[in-house]
Amino acid sequence: MSAIIAFNPNDIANKISSILSPISQEHHNLIANTMETRIFECNELVYEEGNVPTNIMCLLEGKVKIYKNGVGNRSQILRTVSPIEFFGYGAYLSRENYLTSAMALERSVIALIPMQTILQLIRENNNICLFFFNNLARLLGNSYNRTVNLTQKHIRGRLAESLLMLEDCYGFEHDGQTLTVRLSREDLANMSSMTTSNAIRTLSAFASEGLITVSGRKIKIINHRELSHISILG
């Protein structure tokens, strides 16, 4: 179960305010005084499909996946969240219950801000309103692209795209090649809209072709150019 932690609320508010900038001191204080900061352990639910949304969430540290269960309760990972990024507010704005679920991929620190606080900021600061408007539009555009790619690309193209998306979201370790995120084969499959066995076979094929190396859940991208080529060709 997530644990409430006593981070300095002013420090957390500074991080959040930096992405909402420009923001007044009054609004900064409102965020600091109304938010709650929690730690979610690996594989712990942050929110669940069907629940009533009450907070906007900002990932401060760690990694989170947004997913939806489909036919036969099969999971489809829709996107991943990186620090410092807001998530989990679209359902509230559309006056619906959550249509997706969110789960921590590793130990993660998340700030929960009451939606009433965010609505007050939106009403009183046009820049903040524009920030969330632009963010939702960007997510919608990415969703369109993902829908086309997952339905039209072949297995190799889908998995290559997923690996490159993870690179873009979380980056590399100090060697400049090893992805910082550690996903199970099932998660990679769910992200790429394929079976786990197909994900395992395709990873092995990429490794035998010298595109990547795999050690447990650790993936190192060796031939970035060719992997990008496979992703583009689909």
C-alpha atoms as a PDB file:
ATOM      1  CA  MET A   1       0.000   0.000   0.000  1.00  0.00           C
ATOM      2  CA  SER A   2       1.295   3.484  -0.852  1.00  0.00           C
ATOM      3  CA  ALA A   3       2.886   5.332   2.040  1.00  0.00           C
ATOM      4  CA  ILE A   4       2.406   9.029   2.744  1.00  0.00           C
ATOM      5  CA  ILE A   5       5.811  10.633   3.186  1.00  0.00           C
ATOM      6  CA  ALA A   6       6.967  13.881   4.752  1.00  0.00           C
ATOM      7  CA  PHE A   7       8.898  15.513   1.925  1.00  0.00           C
ATOM      8  CA  ASN A   8       9.333  19.250   2.265  1.00  0.00           C
ATOM      9  CA  PRO A   9       6.117  20.472   0.571  1.00  0.00           C
ATOM     10  CA  ASN A  10       7.802  23.693  -0.527  1.00  0.00           C
ATOM     11  CA  ASP A  11      10.542  21.764  -2.346  1.00  0.00           C
ATOM     12  CA  ILE A  12       7.960  19.590  -4.099  1.00  0.00           C
ATOM     13  CA  ALA A  13       5.853  22.639  -4.979  1.00  0.00           C
ATOM     14  CA  ASN A  14       8.975  24.254  -6.472  1.00  0.00           C
ATOM     15  CA  LYS A  15       9.393  21.269  -8.825  1.00  0.00           C
ATOM     16  CA  ILE A  16       5.750  21.354  -9.838  1.00  0.00           C
ATOM     17  CA  SER A  17       5.693  25.136 -10.217  1.00  0.00           C
ATOM     18  CA  SER A  18       8.729  24.967 -12.505  1.00  0.00           C
ATOM     19  CA  ILE A  19       6.734  23.159 -15.193  1.00  0.00           C
ATOM     20  CA  LEU A  20       3.677  25.395 -14.721  1.00  0.00           C
ATOM     21  CA  SER A  21       5.778  28.585 -14.850  1.00  0.00           C
ATOM     22  CA  PRO A  22       5.008  31.440 -14.693  1.00  0.00           C
ATOM     23  CA  ILE A  23       3.082  30.971 -11.472  1.00  0.00           C
ATOM     24  CA  SER A  24       2.380  33.369  -8.599  1.00  0.00           C
ATOM     25  CA  GLN A  25       3.599  32.849  -5.061  1.00  0.00           C
ATOM     26  CA  GLU A  26      -0.033  32.556  -3.980  1.00  0.00           C
ATOM     27  CA  HIS A  27      -0.616  29.668  -6.368  1.00  0.00           C
ATOM     28  CA  HIS A  28       2.693  28.081  -5.391  1.00  0.00           C
ATOM     29  CA  ASN A  29       1.574  28.149  -1.766  1.00  0.00           C
ATOM     30  CA  LEU A  30      -1.817  26.702  -2.690  1.00  0.00           C
ATOM     31  CA  ILE A  31      -0.115  23.694  -4.285  1.00  0.00           C
ATOM     32  CA  ALA A  32       2.217  23.240  -1.314  1.00  0.00           C
ATOM     33  CA  ASN A  33      -0.627  23.417   1.210  1.00  0.00           C
ATOM     34  CA  THR A  34      -3.083  21.070  -0.504  1.00  0.00           C
ATOM     35  CA  MET A  35      -0.957  18.339  -2.070  1.00  0.00           C
ATOM     36  CA  GLU A  36       0.054  14.993  -0.608  1.00  0.00           C
ATOM     37  CA  THR A  37       3.208  13.069  -1.500  1.00  0.00           C
ATOM     38  CA  ARG A  38       3.263   9.268  -1.560  1.00  0.00           C
ATOM     39  CA  ILE A  39       5.654   6.425  -2.330  1.00  0.00           C
ATOM     40  CA  PHE A  40       4.335   3.612  -4.524  1.00  0.00           C
ATOM     41  CA  GLU A  41       6.316   0.387  -4.587  1.00  0.00           C
ATOM     42  CA  CYS A  42       7.065  -1.589  -7.755  1.00  0.00           C
ATOM     43  CA  ASN A  43       3.878  -3.097  -9.275  1.00  0.00           C
ATOM     44  CA  GLU A  44       1.631  -1.106  -6.925  1.00  0.00           C
ATOM     45  CA  LEU A  45      -1.508   0.430  -8.417  1.00  0.00           C
ATOM     46  CA  VAL A  46      -1.550   4.229  -8.470  1.00  0.00           C
ATOM     47  CA  TYR A  47      -5.143   4.351  -9.669  1.00  0.00           C
ATOM     48  CA  GLU A  48      -7.485   1.765 -11.158  1.00  0.00           C
ATOM     49  CA  GLU A  49      -9.884   1.737 -14.084  1.00  0.00           C
ATOM     50  CA  GLY A  50     -13.434   2.503 -12.939  1.00  0.00           C
ATOM     51  CA  ASN A  51     -12.391   4.494  -9.878  1.00  0.00           C
ATOM     52  CA  VAL A  52     -13.580   8.067  -9.364  1.00  0.00           C
ATOM     53  CA  PRO A  53     -10.767  10.588 -10.032  1.00  0.00           C
ATOM     54  CA  THR A  54     -10.182  13.180  -7.328  1.00  0.00           C
ATOM     55  CA  ASN A  55      -6.510  14.151  -7.781  1.00  0.00           C
ATOM     56  CA  ILE A  56      -4.105  15.112 -10.491  1.00  0.00           C
ATOM     57  CA  MET A  57      -0.810  13.259 -10.122  1.00  0.00           C
ATOM     58  CA  CYS A  58       2.734  14.397 -10.789  1.00  0.00           C
ATOM     59  CA  LEU A  59       5.475  11.777 -10.960  1.00  0.00           C
ATOM     60  CA  LEU A  60       8.474  13.142  -9.073  1.00  0.00           C
ATOM     61  CA  GLU A  61      10.761  10.103  -9.103  1.00  0.00           C
ATOM     62  CA  GLY A  62      10.499   6.636 -10.640  1.00  0.00           C
ATOM     63  CA  LYS A  63       8.540   5.199 -13.562  1.00  0.00           C
ATOM     64  CA  VAL A  64       4.825   4.582 -14.150  1.00  0.00           C
ATOM     65  CA  LYS A  65       2.870   2.769 -16.864  1.00  0.00           C
ATOM     66  CA  ILE A  66      -0.631   3.700 -18.027  1.00  0.00           C
ATOM     67  CA  TYR A  67      -2.542   0.672 -19.261  1.00  0.00           C
ATOM     68  CA  LYS A  68      -6.008  -0.673 -20.039  1.00  0.00           C
ATOM     69  CA  ASN A  69      -7.391  -4.187 -19.787  1.00  0.00           C
ATOM     70  CA  GLY A  70      -9.135  -5.398 -22.915  1.00  0.00           C
ATOM     71  CA  VAL A  71     -10.647  -8.624 -24.225  1.00  0.00           C
ATOM     72  CA  GLY A  72      -9.945 -11.567 -21.920  1.00  0.00           C
ATOM     73  CA  ASN A  73      -8.516  -9.125 -19.377  1.00  0.00           C
ATOM     74  CA  ARG A  74      -5.423  -8.784 -21.555  1.00  0.00           C
ATOM     75  CA  SER A  75      -3.447  -5.670 -20.691  1.00  0.00           C
ATOM     76  CA  GLN A  76      -2.367  -3.033 -23.226  1.00  0.00           C
ATOM     77  CA  ILE A  77       0.230  -0.495 -22.106  1.00  0.00           C
ATOM     78  CA  LEU A  78      -0.828   2.823 -23.626  1.00  0.00           C
ATOM     79  CA  ARG A  79       2.103   4.943 -22.516  1.00  0.00           C
ATOM     80  CA  THR A  80       4.714   5.441 -19.858  1.00  0.00           C
ATOM     81  CA  VAL A  81       5.190   8.421 -17.544  1.00  0.00           C
ATOM     82  CA  SER A  82       8.523  10.020 -16.728  1.00  0.00           C
ATOM     83  CA  PRO A  83       9.553  12.575 -14.082  1.00  0.00           C
ATOM     84  CA  ILE A  84       8.386  15.353 -13.859  1.00  0.00           C
ATOM     85  CA  GLU A  85       5.065  14.767 -15.642  1.00  0.00           C
ATOM     86  CA  PHE A  86       1.390  15.167 -14.786  1.00  0.00           C
ATOM     87  CA  PHE A  87      -0.989  12.276 -15.393  1.00  0.00           C
ATOM     88  CA  GLY A  88      -4.383  10.919 -14.390  1.00  0.00           C
ATOM     89  CA  TYR A  89      -6.499  14.031 -14.921  1.00  0.00           C
ATOM     90  CA  GLY A  90      -8.186  13.516 -18.293  1.00  0.00           C
ATOM     91  CA  ALA A  91     -11.013  11.462 -16.801  1.00  0.00           C
ATOM     92  CA  TYR A  92     -11.866  14.179 -14.287  1.00  0.00           C
ATOM     93  CA  LEU A  93     -11.955  16.872 -16.967  1.00  0.00           C
ATOM     94  CA  SER A  94     -14.255  14.711 -19.112  1.00  0.00           C
ATOM     95  CA  ARG A  95     -16.404  13.970 -16.024  1.00  0.00           C
ATOM     96  CA  GLU A  96     -15.834  10.236 -16.248  1.00  0.00           C
ATOM     97  CA  ASN A  97     -14.387   7.545 -14.039  1.00  0.00           C
ATOM     98  CA  TYR A  98     -10.888   6.395 -14.899  1.00  0.00           C
ATOM     99  CA  LEU A  99     -10.819   4.634 -18.272  1.00  0.00           C
ATOM    100  CA  THR A 100      -7.279   3.345 -17.621  1.00  0.00           C
ATOM    101  CA  SER A 101      -5.140   2.130 -14.743  1.00  0.00           C
ATOM    102  CA  ALA A 102      -1.696   3.288 -13.623  1.00  0.00           C
ATOM    103  CA  MET A 103       0.977   1.166 -11.951  1.00  0.00           C
ATOM    104  CA  ALA A 104       4.478   1.887 -10.673  1.00  0.00           C
ATOM    105  CA  LEU A 105       7.203   0.123 -12.693  1.00  0.00           C
ATOM    106  CA  GLU A 106       9.646   0.723  -9.846  1.00  0.00           C
ATOM    107  CA  ARG A 107       9.612   2.479  -6.501  1.00  0.00           C
ATOM    108  CA  SER A 108       8.077   5.852  -7.373  1.00  0.00           C
ATOM    109  CA  VAL A 109       7.382   9.134  -5.603  1.00  0.00           C
ATOM    110  CA  ILE A 110       4.162  10.809  -6.683  1.00  0.00           C
ATOM    111  CA  ALA A 111       2.562  14.098  -5.658  1.00  0.00           C
ATOM    112  CA  LEU A 112      -1.242  14.039  -5.492  1.00  0.00           C
ATOM    113  CA  ILE A 113      -2.916  17.425  -5.888  1.00  0.00           C
ATOM    114  CA  PRO A 114      -6.689  17.789  -5.420  1.00  0.00           C
ATOM    115  CA  MET A 115      -8.379  18.516  -8.736  1.00  0.00           C
ATOM    116  CA  GLN A 116     -10.194  21.414  -7.064  1.00  0.00           C
ATOM    117  CA  THR A 117      -6.797  23.034  -6.543  1.00  0.00           C
ATOM    118  CA  ILE A 118      -5.907  22.570 -10.216  1.00  0.00           C
ATOM    119  CA  LEU A 119      -9.292  23.915 -11.335  1.00  0.00           C
ATOM    120  CA  GLN A 120      -8.715  27.032  -9.256  1.00  0.00           C
ATOM    121  CA  LEU A 121      -5.293  27.501 -10.868  1.00  0.00           C
ATOM    122  CA  ILE A 122      -6.792  27.009 -14.335  1.00  0.00           C
ATOM    123  CA  ARG A 123      -9.525  29.595 -13.657  1.00  0.00           C
ATOM    124  CA  GLU A 124      -7.073  32.168 -12.303  1.00  0.00           C
ATOM    125  CA  ASN A 125      -4.069  31.667 -14.598  1.00  0.00           C
ATOM    126  CA  ASN A 126      -4.481  31.457 -18.369  1.00  0.00           C
ATOM    127  CA  ASN A 127      -0.944  30.115 -18.783  1.00  0.00           C
ATOM    128  CA  ILE A 128      -1.772  27.094 -16.617  1.00  0.00           C
ATOM    129  CA  CYS A 129      -4.987  26.520 -18.557  1.00  0.00           C
ATOM    130  CA  LEU A 130      -2.981  26.613 -21.806  1.00  0.00           C
ATOM    131  CA  PHE A 131      -0.385  24.225 -20.341  1.00  0.00           C
ATOM    132  CA  PHE A 132      -2.962  21.496 -19.681  1.00  0.00           C
ATOM    133  CA  PHE A 133      -4.747  22.200 -22.959  1.00  0.00           C
ATOM    134  CA  ASN A 134      -1.486  21.723 -24.871  1.00  0.00           C
ATOM    135  CA  ASN A 135      -0.570  18.646 -22.835  1.00  0.00           C
ATOM    136  CA  LEU A 136      -3.883  16.907 -23.532  1.00  0.00           C
ATOM    137  CA  ALA A 137      -3.623  17.785 -27.244  1.00  0.00           C
ATOM    138  CA  ARG A 138      -0.107  16.309 -27.391  1.00  0.00           C
ATOM    139  CA  LEU A 139      -1.237  13.106 -25.680  1.00  0.00           C
ATOM    140  CA  LEU A 140      -4.162  12.815 -28.077  1.00  0.00           C
ATOM    141  CA  GLY A 141      -1.849  13.215 -31.078  1.00  0.00           C
ATOM    142  CA  ASN A 142       0.521  10.578 -29.710  1.00  0.00           C
ATOM    143  CA  SER A 143      -2.439   8.266 -29.156  1.00  0.00           C
ATOM    144  CA  TYR A 144      -3.469   8.620 -32.811  1.00  0.00           C
ATOM    145  CA  ASN A 145       0.037   7.719 -33.965  1.00  0.00           C
ATOM    146  CA  ARG A 146       0.252   4.735 -31.623  1.00  0.00           C
ATOM    147  CA  THR A 147      -3.117   3.408 -32.775  1.00  0.00           C
ATOM    148  CA  VAL A 148      -2.003   3.429 -36.410  1.00  0.00           C
ATOM    149  CA  ASN A 149       1.425   1.968 -35.647  1.00  0.00           C
ATOM    150  CA  LEU A 150       0.132  -0.850 -33.456  1.00  0.00           C
ATOM    151  CA  THR A 151      -2.465  -1.877 -36.013  1.00  0.00           C
ATOM    152  CA  GLN A 152      -0.363  -1.534 -39.177  1.00  0.00           C
ATOM    153  CA  LYS A 153       3.228  -2.332 -38.253  1.00  0.00           C
ATOM    154  CA  HIS A 154       4.558  -5.870 -38.172  1.00  0.00           C
ATOM    155  CA  ILE A 155       5.828  -7.416 -34.952  1.00  0.00           C
ATOM    156  CA  ARG A 156       9.440  -6.322 -35.485  1.00  0.00           C
ATOM    157  CA  GLY A 157       8.416  -2.743 -36.186  1.00  0.00           C
ATOM    158  CA  ARG A 158       6.163  -2.597 -33.127  1.00  0.00           C
ATOM    159  CA  LEU A 159       8.806  -3.902 -30.741  1.00  0.00           C
ATOM    160  CA  ALA A 160      11.494  -1.650 -32.214  1.00  0.00           C
ATOM    161  CA  GLU A 161       9.192   1.317 -31.749  1.00  0.00           C
ATOM    162  CA  SER A 162       8.518   0.349 -28.126  1.00  0.00           C
ATOM    163  CA  LEU A 163      12.228   0.155 -27.330  1.00  0.00           C
ATOM    164  CA  LEU A 164      12.799   3.572 -28.882  1.00  0.00           C
ATOM    165  CA  MET A 165       9.820   4.982 -26.954  1.00  0.00           C
ATOM    166  CA  LEU A 166      11.348   3.718 -23.712  1.00  0.00           C
ATOM    167  CA  GLU A 167      14.611   5.382 -24.658  1.00  0.00           C
ATOM    168  CA  ASP A 168      12.812   8.645 -25.352  1.00  0.00           C
ATOM    169  CA  CYS A 169      10.872   8.478 -22.079  1.00  0.00           C
ATOM    170  CA  TYR A 170      13.559   7.293 -19.670  1.00  0.00           C
ATOM    171  CA  GLY A 171      16.905   7.568 -21.452  1.00  0.00           C
ATOM    172  CA  PHE A 172      20.080   5.558 -21.062  1.00  0.00           C
ATOM    173  CA  GLU A 173      22.418   4.712 -18.239  1.00  0.00           C
ATOM    174  CA  HIS A 174      25.903   6.265 -18.141  1.00  0.00           C
ATOM    175  CA  ASP A 175      27.111   4.012 -20.955  1.00  0.00           C
ATOM    176  CA  GLY A 176      24.726   5.750 -23.366  1.00  0.00           C
ATOM    177  CA  GLN A 177      23.268   2.425 -24.541  1.00  0.00           C
ATOM    178  CA  THR A 178      21.522   0.604 -21.678  1.00  0.00           C
ATOM    179  CA  LEU A 179      17.887   1.557 -21.095  1.00  0.00           C
ATOM    180  CA  THR A 180      17.278   2.751 -17.540  1.00  0.00           C
ATOM    181  CA  VAL A 181      13.893   1.041 -17.395  1.00  0.00           C
ATOM    182  CA  ARG A 182      13.581  -2.685 -16.633  1.00  0.00           C
ATOM    183  CA  LEU A 183      10.426  -4.181 -18.134  1.00  0.00           C
ATOM    184  CA  SER A 184       9.289  -7.767 -17.986  1.00  0.00           C
ATOM    185  CA  ARG A 185       8.803  -9.608 -21.267  1.00  0.00           C
ATOM    186  CA  GLU A 186       5.069  -9.464 -20.594  1.00  0.00           C
ATOM    187  CA  ASP A 187       5.175  -5.674 -20.239  1.00  0.00           C
ATOM    188  CA  LEU A 188       7.161  -5.343 -23.465  1.00  0.00           C
ATOM    189  CA  ALA A 189       4.573  -7.534 -25.178  1.00  0.00           C
ATOM    190  CA  ASN A 190       1.695  -5.515 -23.726  1.00  0.00           C
ATOM    191  CA  MET A 191       3.350  -2.308 -24.867  1.00  0.00           C
ATOM    192  CA  SER A 192       3.856  -3.680 -28.398  1.00  0.00           C
ATOM    193  CA  SER A 193       0.462  -5.382 -28.822  1.00  0.00           C
ATOM    194  CA  MET A 194       1.822  -8.906 -29.194  1.00  0.00           C
ATOM    195  CA  THR A 195       2.003 -12.135 -27.223  1.00  0.00           C
ATOM    196  CA  THR A 196       4.747 -12.627 -24.676  1.00  0.00           C
ATOM    197  CA  SER A 197       6.199 -15.498 -26.709  1.00  0.00           C
ATOM    198  CA  ASN A 198       6.419 -13.238 -29.779  1.00  0.00           C
ATOM    199  CA  ALA A 199       8.146 -10.546 -27.735  1.00  0.00           C
ATOM    200  CA  ILE A 200      10.695 -13.087 -26.477  1.00  0.00           C
ATOM    201  CA  ARG A 201      11.363 -14.398 -29.995  1.00  0.00           C
ATOM    202  CA  THR A 202      11.687 -10.919 -31.486  1.00  0.00           C
ATOM    203  CA  LEU A 203      14.053  -9.754 -28.739  1.00  0.00           C
ATOM    204  CA  SER A 204      16.177 -12.847 -29.406  1.00  0.00           C
ATOM    205  CA  ALA A 205      16.158 -12.068 -33.137  1.00  0.00           C
ATOM    206  CA  PHE A 206      17.240  -8.474 -32.498  1.00  0.00           C
ATOM    207  CA  ALA A 207      20.028  -9.763 -30.255  1.00  0.00           C
ATOM    208  CA  SER A 208      21.246 -12.313 -32.832  1.00  0.00           C
ATOM    209  CA  GLU A 209      21.314  -9.536 -35.451  1.00  0.00           C
ATOM    210  CA  GLY A 210      23.503  -7.387 -33.196  1.00  0.00           C
ATOM    211  CA  LEU A 211      20.891  -4.691 -32.698  1.00  0.00           C
ATOM    212  CA  ILE A 212      20.637  -5.132 -28.927  1.00  0.00           C
ATOM    213  CA  THR A 213      22.019  -7.186 -26.088  1.00  0.00           C
ATOM    214  CA  VAL A 214      19.757  -8.617 -23.408  1.00  0.00           C
ATOM    215  CA  SER A 215      20.683  -9.597 -19.865  1.00  0.00           C
ATOM    216  CA  GLY A 216      17.612 -10.444 -17.803  1.00  0.00           C
ATOM    217  CA  ARG A 217      15.446  -7.330 -17.955  1.00  0.00           C
ATOM    218  CA  LYS A 218      18.395  -5.147 -18.934  1.00  0.00           C
ATOM    219  CA  ILE A 219      18.395  -4.134 -22.605  1.00  0.00           C
ATOM    220  CA  LYS A 220      21.298  -2.395 -24.318  1.00  0.00           C
ATOM    221  CA  ILE A 221      20.734  -0.804 -27.726  1.00  0.00           C
ATOM    222  CA  ILE A 222      23.785  -1.514 -29.882  1.00  0.00           C
ATOM    223  CA  ASN A 223      22.651  -0.479 -33.371  1.00  0.00           C
ATOM    224  CA  HIS A 224      20.342   2.477 -32.869  1.00  0.00           C
ATOM    225  CA  ARG A 225      20.239   3.392 -36.537  1.00  0.00           C
ATOM    226  CA  GLU A 226      19.059  -0.032 -37.705  1.00  0.00           C
ATOM    227  CA  LEU A 227      16.522  -0.289 -34.883  1.00  0.00           C
ATOM    228  CA  SER A 228      15.106   3.091 -35.953  1.00  0.00           C
ATOM    229  CA  HIS A 229      15.030   1.866 -39.563  1.00  0.00           C
ATOM    230  CA  ILE A 230      13.008  -1.209 -38.543  1.00  0.00           C
ATOM    231  CA  SER A 231      10.617   0.964 -36.558  1.00  0.00           C
ATOM    232  CA  ILE A 232      10.047   3.343 -39.482  1.00  0.00           C
ATOM    233  CA  LEU A 233       9.557   0.581 -42.035  1.00  0.00           C
ATOM    234  CA  GLY A 234       7.183  -1.245 -39.707  1.00  0.00           C
END
